[in-house]
Amino acid sequence: MNLNHLIRMANSIGDFFEAMPDRAEGLEGIANHIQKFWEPRMRTDLLDFLDQHPDGRAPDVGLSAIVLQAINQDRERLRPKAAA
């Protein structure tokens, strides 16, 4: 999947949850949504992007602050489990 599209999707999720009055609940909502509804390769691509760009920014694309915080906060939970 196109990385720019993944980041736009993640930022859209972030826009929705950022409207919540409780920031901790919003952060949890973002991580929970990505874990539940994104397939493993999508999550891997997003985490690989952050490995290369820890600030969540590349020349042509960037994660919103709330999405970056949510992913960094729950990074291990979002990492797909290796096949047994």
PDB file of N, CA and C in Angstrom:
ATOM      1  N   MET A   1       0.841  -1.178   0.000  1.00  0.00           N
ATOM      2  CA  MET A   1       0.000   0.000   0.000  1.00  0.00           C
ATOM      3  C   MET A   1       0.887   1.243   0.000  1.00  0.00           C
ATOM      4  N   ASN A   2       0.424   2.265  -0.626  1.00  0.00           N
ATOM      5  CA  ASN A   2       1.145   3.526  -0.718  1.00  0.00           C
ATOM      6  C   ASN A   2       1.302   4.156   0.667  1.00  0.00           C
ATOM      7  N   LEU A   3       2.527   4.489   1.032  1.00  0.00           N
ATOM      8  CA  LEU A   3       2.815   5.062   2.348  1.00  0.00           C
ATOM      9  C   LEU A   3       2.079   6.385   2.571  1.00  0.00           C
ATOM     10  N   ASN A   4       2.012   7.222   1.552  1.00  0.00           N
ATOM     11  CA  ASN A   4       1.287   8.491   1.696  1.00  0.00           C
ATOM     12  C   ASN A   4      -0.175   8.243   2.049  1.00  0.00           C
ATOM     13  N   HIS A   5      -0.756   7.224   1.434  1.00  0.00           N
ATOM     14  CA  HIS A   5      -2.149   6.882   1.720  1.00  0.00           C
ATOM     15  C   HIS A   5      -2.290   6.383   3.164  1.00  0.00           C
ATOM     16  N   LEU A   6      -1.369   5.554   3.620  1.00  0.00           N
ATOM     17  CA  LEU A   6      -1.406   5.070   5.002  1.00  0.00           C
ATOM     18  C   LEU A   6      -1.332   6.225   5.995  1.00  0.00           C
ATOM     19  N   ILE A   7      -0.460   7.159   5.729  1.00  0.00           N
ATOM     20  CA  ILE A   7      -0.298   8.288   6.640  1.00  0.00           C
ATOM     21  C   ILE A   7      -1.540   9.175   6.618  1.00  0.00           C
ATOM     22  N   ARG A   8      -2.117   9.386   5.448  1.00  0.00           N
ATOM     23  CA  ARG A   8      -3.371  10.151   5.387  1.00  0.00           C
ATOM     24  C   ARG A   8      -4.476   9.447   6.174  1.00  0.00           C
ATOM     25  N   MET A   9      -4.561   8.127   6.044  1.00  0.00           N
ATOM     26  CA  MET A   9      -5.562   7.370   6.802  1.00  0.00           C
ATOM     27  C   MET A   9      -5.313   7.498   8.300  1.00  0.00           C
ATOM     28  N   ALA A  10      -4.060   7.339   8.724  1.00  0.00           N
ATOM     29  CA  ALA A  10      -3.728   7.457  10.147  1.00  0.00           C
ATOM     30  C   ALA A  10      -4.075   8.851  10.659  1.00  0.00           C
ATOM     31  N   ASN A  11      -3.775   9.878   9.892  1.00  0.00           N
ATOM     32  CA  ASN A  11      -4.095  11.244  10.304  1.00  0.00           C
ATOM     33  C   ASN A  11      -5.603  11.476  10.380  1.00  0.00           C
ATOM     34  N   SER A  12      -6.368  10.843   9.504  1.00  0.00           N
ATOM     35  CA  SER A  12      -7.832  10.951   9.568  1.00  0.00           C
ATOM     36  C   SER A  12      -8.362  10.313  10.852  1.00  0.00           C
ATOM     37  N   ILE A  13      -7.801   9.172  11.207  1.00  0.00           N
ATOM     38  CA  ILE A  13      -8.166   8.524  12.471  1.00  0.00           C
ATOM     39  C   ILE A  13      -7.815   9.462  13.623  1.00  0.00           C
ATOM     40  N   GLY A  14      -6.636  10.045  13.554  1.00  0.00           N
ATOM     41  CA  GLY A  14      -6.203  10.982  14.579  1.00  0.00           C
ATOM     42  C   GLY A  14      -7.124  12.187  14.691  1.00  0.00           C
ATOM     43  N   ASP A  15      -7.584  12.713  13.555  1.00  0.00           N
ATOM     44  CA  ASP A  15      -8.507  13.852  13.577  1.00  0.00           C
ATOM     45  C   ASP A  15      -9.778  13.507  14.335  1.00  0.00           C
ATOM     46  N   PHE A  16     -10.283  12.298  14.110  1.00  0.00           N
ATOM     47  CA  PHE A  16     -11.499  11.873  14.793  1.00  0.00           C
ATOM     48  C   PHE A  16     -11.279  11.796  16.304  1.00  0.00           C
ATOM     49  N   PHE A  17     -10.226  11.112  16.717  1.00  0.00           N
ATOM     50  CA  PHE A  17      -9.999  10.891  18.142  1.00  0.00           C
ATOM     51  C   PHE A  17      -9.444  12.125  18.863  1.00  0.00           C
ATOM     52  N   GLU A  18      -8.846  13.049  18.137  1.00  0.00           N
ATOM     53  CA  GLU A  18      -8.328  14.257  18.765  1.00  0.00           C
ATOM     54  C   GLU A  18      -9.467  15.132  19.294  1.00  0.00           C
ATOM     55  N   ALA A  19     -10.659  14.961  18.752  1.00  0.00           N
ATOM     56  CA  ALA A  19     -11.811  15.735  19.197  1.00  0.00           C
ATOM     57  C   ALA A  19     -12.322  15.281  20.571  1.00  0.00           C
ATOM     58  N   MET A  20     -11.846  14.151  21.051  1.00  0.00           N
ATOM     59  CA  MET A  20     -12.292  13.665  22.355  1.00  0.00           C
ATOM     60  C   MET A  20     -11.744  14.575  23.457  1.00  0.00           C
ATOM     61  N   PRO A  21     -12.546  14.851  24.477  1.00  0.00           N
ATOM     62  CA  PRO A  21     -12.070  15.734  25.546  1.00  0.00           C
ATOM     63  C   PRO A  21     -10.944  15.128  26.384  1.00  0.00           C
ATOM     64  N   ASP A  22     -10.880  13.813  26.465  1.00  0.00           N
ATOM     65  CA  ASP A  22      -9.848  13.127  27.243  1.00  0.00           C
ATOM     66  C   ASP A  22      -8.744  12.659  26.286  1.00  0.00           C
ATOM     67  N   ARG A  23      -7.581  13.327  26.342  1.00  0.00           N
ATOM     68  CA  ARG A  23      -6.499  13.000  25.398  1.00  0.00           C
ATOM     69  C   ARG A  23      -6.049  11.549  25.527  1.00  0.00           C
ATOM     70  N   ALA A  24      -5.955  11.037  26.753  1.00  0.00           N
ATOM     71  CA  ALA A  24      -5.532   9.638  26.947  1.00  0.00           C
ATOM     72  C   ALA A  24      -6.504   8.683  26.257  1.00  0.00           C
ATOM     73  N   GLU A  25      -7.777   8.991  26.336  1.00  0.00           N
ATOM     74  CA  GLU A  25      -8.782   8.164  25.666  1.00  0.00           C
ATOM     75  C   GLU A  25      -8.632   8.263  24.145  1.00  0.00           C
ATOM     76  N   GLY A  26      -8.322   9.450  23.659  1.00  0.00           N
ATOM     77  CA  GLY A  26      -8.093   9.627  22.227  1.00  0.00           C
ATOM     78  C   GLY A  26      -6.875   8.859  21.742  1.00  0.00           C
ATOM     79  N   LEU A  27      -5.785   8.916  22.494  1.00  0.00           N
ATOM     80  CA  LEU A  27      -4.570   8.168  22.134  1.00  0.00           C
ATOM     81  C   LEU A  27      -4.853   6.673  22.087  1.00  0.00           C
ATOM     82  N   GLU A  28      -5.572   6.194  23.093  1.00  0.00           N
ATOM     83  CA  GLU A  28      -5.927   4.775  23.130  1.00  0.00           C
ATOM     84  C   GLU A  28      -6.818   4.412  21.950  1.00  0.00           C
ATOM     85  N   GLY A  29      -7.739   5.287  21.611  1.00  0.00           N
ATOM     86  CA  GLY A  29      -8.627   5.029  20.478  1.00  0.00           C
ATOM     87  C   GLY A  29      -7.875   4.904  19.169  1.00  0.00           C
ATOM     88  N   ILE A  30      -6.885   5.755  18.969  1.00  0.00           N
ATOM     89  CA  ILE A  30      -6.075   5.691  17.745  1.00  0.00           C
ATOM     90  C   ILE A  30      -5.331   4.364  17.672  1.00  0.00           C
ATOM     91  N   ALA A  31      -4.613   4.031  18.732  1.00  0.00           N
ATOM     92  CA  ALA A  31      -3.840   2.785  18.736  1.00  0.00           C
ATOM     93  C   ALA A  31      -4.758   1.571  18.593  1.00  0.00           C
ATOM     94  N   ASN A  32      -5.887   1.599  19.286  1.00  0.00           N
ATOM     95  CA  ASN A  32      -6.824   0.489  19.230  1.00  0.00           C
ATOM     96  C   ASN A  32      -7.377   0.310  17.819  1.00  0.00           C
ATOM     97  N   HIS A  33      -7.737   1.415  17.178  1.00  0.00           N
ATOM     98  CA  HIS A  33      -8.278   1.338  15.811  1.00  0.00           C
ATOM     99  C   HIS A  33      -7.242   0.756  14.840  1.00  0.00           C
ATOM    100  N   ILE A  34      -6.025   1.253  14.924  1.00  0.00           N
ATOM    101  CA  ILE A  34      -4.978   0.765  14.020  1.00  0.00           C
ATOM    102  C   ILE A  34      -4.694  -0.715  14.283  1.00  0.00           C
ATOM    103  N   GLN A  35      -4.652  -1.109  15.532  1.00  0.00           N
ATOM    104  CA  GLN A  35      -4.395  -2.517  15.858  1.00  0.00           C
ATOM    105  C   GLN A  35      -5.523  -3.421  15.355  1.00  0.00           C
ATOM    106  N   LYS A  36      -6.754  -3.007  15.548  1.00  0.00           N
ATOM    107  CA  LYS A  36      -7.900  -3.851  15.198  1.00  0.00           C
ATOM    108  C   LYS A  36      -8.197  -3.901  13.705  1.00  0.00           C
ATOM    109  N   PHE A  37      -8.062  -2.768  13.033  1.00  0.00           N
ATOM    110  CA  PHE A  37      -8.590  -2.684  11.678  1.00  0.00           C
ATOM    111  C   PHE A  37      -7.548  -2.605  10.561  1.00  0.00           C
ATOM    112  N   TRP A  38      -6.297  -2.415  10.913  1.00  0.00           N
ATOM    113  CA  TRP A  38      -5.255  -2.393   9.882  1.00  0.00           C
ATOM    114  C   TRP A  38      -4.617  -3.771   9.800  1.00  0.00           C
ATOM    115  N   GLU A  39      -4.435  -4.243   8.592  1.00  0.00           N
ATOM    116  CA  GLU A  39      -3.788  -5.542   8.454  1.00  0.00           C
ATOM    117  C   GLU A  39      -2.306  -5.430   8.831  1.00  0.00           C
ATOM    118  N   PRO A  40      -1.690  -6.550   9.178  1.00  0.00           N
ATOM    119  CA  PRO A  40      -0.303  -6.520   9.679  1.00  0.00           C
ATOM    120  C   PRO A  40       0.680  -5.792   8.771  1.00  0.00           C
ATOM    121  N   ARG A  41       0.576  -5.963   7.464  1.00  0.00           N
ATOM    122  CA  ARG A  41       1.559  -5.297   6.589  1.00  0.00           C
ATOM    123  C   ARG A  41       1.395  -3.791   6.604  1.00  0.00           C
ATOM    124  N   MET A  42       0.181  -3.301   6.813  1.00  0.00           N
ATOM    125  CA  MET A  42      -0.047  -1.857   6.909  1.00  0.00           C
ATOM    126  C   MET A  42       0.624  -1.309   8.174  1.00  0.00           C
ATOM    127  N   ARG A  43       0.444  -2.027   9.281  1.00  0.00           N
ATOM    128  CA  ARG A  43       1.074  -1.598  10.535  1.00  0.00           C
ATOM    129  C   ARG A  43       2.590  -1.672  10.419  1.00  0.00           C
ATOM    130  N   THR A  44       3.105  -2.718   9.777  1.00  0.00           N
ATOM    131  CA  THR A  44       4.550  -2.865   9.588  1.00  0.00           C
ATOM    132  C   THR A  44       5.093  -1.712   8.757  1.00  0.00           C
ATOM    133  N   ASP A  45       4.408  -1.363   7.679  1.00  0.00           N
ATOM    134  CA  ASP A  45       4.857  -0.248   6.830  1.00  0.00           C
ATOM    135  C   ASP A  45       4.898   1.061   7.618  1.00  0.00           C
ATOM    136  N   LEU A  46       3.887   1.291   8.450  1.00  0.00           N
ATOM    137  CA  LEU A  46       3.847   2.513   9.251  1.00  0.00           C
ATOM    138  C   LEU A  46       4.976   2.534  10.281  1.00  0.00           C
ATOM    139  N   LEU A  47       5.212   1.410  10.938  1.00  0.00           N
ATOM    140  CA  LEU A  47       6.288   1.337  11.930  1.00  0.00           C
ATOM    141  C   LEU A  47       7.661   1.444  11.272  1.00  0.00           C
ATOM    142  N   ASP A  48       7.811   0.860  10.093  1.00  0.00           N
ATOM    143  CA  ASP A  48       9.069   0.997   9.349  1.00  0.00           C
ATOM    144  C   ASP A  48       9.328   2.457   8.978  1.00  0.00           C
ATOM    145  N   PHE A  49       8.261   3.170   8.587  1.00  0.00           N
ATOM    146  CA  PHE A  49       8.382   4.592   8.287  1.00  0.00           C
ATOM    147  C   PHE A  49       8.906   5.331   9.515  1.00  0.00           C
ATOM    148  N   LEU A  50       8.369   5.015  10.687  1.00  0.00           N
ATOM    149  CA  LEU A  50       8.820   5.691  11.909  1.00  0.00           C
ATOM    150  C   LEU A  50      10.235   5.290  12.307  1.00  0.00           C
ATOM    151  N   ASP A  51      10.646   4.086  11.970  1.00  0.00           N
ATOM    152  CA  ASP A  51      12.041   3.703  12.215  1.00  0.00           C
ATOM    153  C   ASP A  51      12.985   4.593  11.400  1.00  0.00           C
ATOM    154  N   GLN A  52      12.570   4.924  10.180  1.00  0.00           N
ATOM    155  CA  GLN A  52      13.387   5.755   9.300  1.00  0.00           C
ATOM    156  C   GLN A  52      13.205   7.249   9.575  1.00  0.00           C
ATOM    157  N   HIS A  53      12.028   7.612  10.102  1.00  0.00           N
ATOM    158  CA  HIS A  53      11.696   9.023  10.346  1.00  0.00           C
ATOM    159  C   HIS A  53      11.077   9.143  11.739  1.00  0.00           C
ATOM    160  N   PRO A  54      11.894   9.108  12.791  1.00  0.00           N
ATOM    161  CA  PRO A  54      11.360   9.111  14.163  1.00  0.00           C
ATOM    162  C   PRO A  54      10.473  10.310  14.494  1.00  0.00           C
ATOM    163  N   ASP A  55      10.642  11.401  13.773  1.00  0.00           N
ATOM    164  CA  ASP A  55       9.797  12.571  14.030  1.00  0.00           C
ATOM    165  C   ASP A  55       8.473  12.498  13.267  1.00  0.00           C
ATOM    166  N   GLY A  56       8.271  11.415  12.498  1.00  0.00           N
ATOM    167  CA  GLY A  56       7.029  11.226  11.760  1.00  0.00           C
ATOM    168  C   GLY A  56       6.909  12.075  10.518  1.00  0.00           C
ATOM    169  N   ARG A  57       8.027  12.648  10.069  1.00  0.00           N
ATOM    170  CA  ARG A  57       8.008  13.554   8.914  1.00  0.00           C
ATOM    171  C   ARG A  57       8.966  13.075   7.831  1.00  0.00           C
ATOM    172  N   ALA A  58       8.499  13.144   6.616  1.00  0.00           N
ATOM    173  CA  ALA A  58       9.327  12.928   5.431  1.00  0.00           C
ATOM    174  C   ALA A  58       9.094  14.157   4.552  1.00  0.00           C
ATOM    175  N   PRO A  59       9.896  14.343   3.516  1.00  0.00           N
ATOM    176  CA  PRO A  59       9.742  15.555   2.694  1.00  0.00           C
ATOM    177  C   PRO A  59       8.327  15.798   2.177  1.00  0.00           C
ATOM    178  N   ASP A  60       7.597  14.751   1.843  1.00  0.00           N
ATOM    179  CA  ASP A  60       6.289  14.941   1.214  1.00  0.00           C
ATOM    180  C   ASP A  60       5.108  14.503   2.075  1.00  0.00           C
ATOM    181  N   VAL A  61       5.355  14.054   3.313  1.00  0.00           N
ATOM    182  CA  VAL A  61       4.265  13.522   4.133  1.00  0.00           C
ATOM    183  C   VAL A  61       4.652  13.558   5.609  1.00  0.00           C
ATOM    184  N   GLY A  62       3.662  13.618   6.482  1.00  0.00           N
ATOM    185  CA  GLY A  62       3.966  13.609   7.907  1.00  0.00           C
ATOM    186  C   GLY A  62       2.771  13.203   8.744  1.00  0.00           C
ATOM    187  N   LEU A  63       3.050  12.584   9.865  1.00  0.00           N
ATOM    188  CA  LEU A  63       2.017  12.196  10.813  1.00  0.00           C
ATOM    189  C   LEU A  63       1.660  13.382  11.711  1.00  0.00           C
ATOM    190  N   SER A  64       0.397  13.466  12.076  1.00  0.00           N
ATOM    191  CA  SER A  64      -0.015  14.496  13.027  1.00  0.00           C
ATOM    192  C   SER A  64       0.584  14.173  14.393  1.00  0.00           C
ATOM    193  N   ALA A  65       0.660  15.173  15.248  1.00  0.00           N
ATOM    194  CA  ALA A  65       1.281  14.996  16.562  1.00  0.00           C
ATOM    195  C   ALA A  65       0.584  13.938  17.397  1.00  0.00           C
ATOM    196  N   ILE A  66      -0.751  13.903  17.371  1.00  0.00           N
ATOM    197  CA  ILE A  66      -1.470  12.932  18.189  1.00  0.00           C
ATOM    198  C   ILE A  66      -1.273  11.503  17.683  1.00  0.00           C
ATOM    199  N   VAL A  67      -1.215  11.332  16.372  1.00  0.00           N
ATOM    200  CA  VAL A  67      -0.990   9.996  15.808  1.00  0.00           C
ATOM    201  C   VAL A  67       0.432   9.528  16.137  1.00  0.00           C
ATOM    202  N   LEU A  68       1.390  10.405  15.986  1.00  0.00           N
ATOM    203  CA  LEU A  68       2.776  10.070  16.317  1.00  0.00           C
ATOM    204  C   LEU A  68       2.881   9.650  17.780  1.00  0.00           C
ATOM    205  N   GLN A  69       2.246  10.401  18.667  1.00  0.00           N
ATOM    206  CA  GLN A  69       2.287  10.058  20.090  1.00  0.00           C
ATOM    207  C   GLN A  69       1.608   8.713  20.356  1.00  0.00           C
ATOM    208  N   ALA A  70       0.460   8.482  19.755  1.00  0.00           N
ATOM    209  CA  ALA A  70      -0.271   7.228  19.970  1.00  0.00           C
ATOM    210  C   ALA A  70       0.540   6.021  19.498  1.00  0.00           C
ATOM    211  N   ILE A  71       1.154   6.149  18.338  1.00  0.00           N
ATOM    212  CA  ILE A  71       1.928   5.027  17.800  1.00  0.00           C
ATOM    213  C   ILE A  71       3.163   4.776  18.653  1.00  0.00           C
ATOM    214  N   ASN A  72       3.875   5.835  19.003  1.00  0.00           N
ATOM    215  CA  ASN A  72       5.070   5.649  19.833  1.00  0.00           C
ATOM    216  C   ASN A  72       4.733   5.082  21.205  1.00  0.00           C
ATOM    217  N   GLN A  73       3.600   5.483  21.739  1.00  0.00           N
ATOM    218  CA  GLN A  73       3.174   5.023  23.053  1.00  0.00           C
ATOM    219  C   GLN A  73       2.822   3.538  23.046  1.00  0.00           C
ATOM    220  N   ASP A  74       2.289   3.045  21.946  1.00  0.00           N
ATOM    221  CA  ASP A  74       1.831   1.647  21.858  1.00  0.00           C
ATOM    222  C   ASP A  74       2.539   0.884  20.750  1.00  0.00           C
ATOM    223  N   ARG A  75       3.762   1.233  20.495  1.00  0.00           N
ATOM    224  CA  ARG A  75       4.521   0.658  19.380  1.00  0.00           C
ATOM    225  C   ARG A  75       4.570  -0.870  19.409  1.00  0.00           C
ATOM    226  N   GLU A  76       4.887  -1.435  20.562  1.00  0.00           N
ATOM    227  CA  GLU A  76       5.003  -2.906  20.638  1.00  0.00           C
ATOM    228  C   GLU A  76       3.656  -3.583  20.431  1.00  0.00           C
ATOM    229  N   ARG A  77       2.619  -2.979  20.938  1.00  0.00           N
ATOM    230  CA  ARG A  77       1.275  -3.536  20.744  1.00  0.00           C
ATOM    231  C   ARG A  77       0.867  -3.508  19.271  1.00  0.00           C
ATOM    232  N   LEU A  78       1.325  -2.505  18.537  1.00  0.00           N
ATOM    233  CA  LEU A  78       0.969  -2.369  17.136  1.00  0.00           C
ATOM    234  C   LEU A  78       1.833  -3.240  16.213  1.00  0.00           C
ATOM    235  N   ARG A  79       2.976  -3.683  16.708  1.00  0.00           N
ATOM    236  CA  ARG A  79       3.855  -4.502  15.885  1.00  0.00           C
ATOM    237  C   ARG A  79       3.220  -5.880  15.685  1.00  0.00           C
ATOM    238  N   PRO A  80       3.018  -6.294  14.442  1.00  0.00           N
ATOM    239  CA  PRO A  80       2.429  -7.618  14.198  1.00  0.00           C
ATOM    240  C   PRO A  80       3.288  -8.727  14.803  1.00  0.00           C
ATOM    241  N   LYS A  81       2.615  -9.715  15.326  1.00  0.00           N
ATOM    242  CA  LYS A  81       3.312 -10.858  15.906  1.00  0.00           C
ATOM    243  C   LYS A  81       3.864 -11.722  14.768  1.00  0.00           C
ATOM    244  N   ALA A  82       5.049 -12.263  14.981  1.00  0.00           N
ATOM    245  CA  ALA A  82       5.662 -13.153  13.991  1.00  0.00           C
ATOM    246  C   ALA A  82       4.867 -14.448  13.906  1.00  0.00           C
ATOM    247  N   ALA A  83       4.767 -14.983  12.722  1.00  0.00           N
ATOM    248  CA  ALA A  83       4.049 -16.251  12.535  1.00  0.00           C
ATOM    249  C   ALA A  83       4.784 -17.370  13.251  1.00  0.00           C
ATOM    250  N   ALA A  84       4.033 -18.222  13.881  1.00  0.00           N
ATOM    251  CA  ALA A  84       4.646 -19.339  14.644  1.00  0.00           C
ATOM    252  C   ALA A  84       4.956 -20.502  13.765  1.00  0.00           C
TER     253      ALA A  84
END
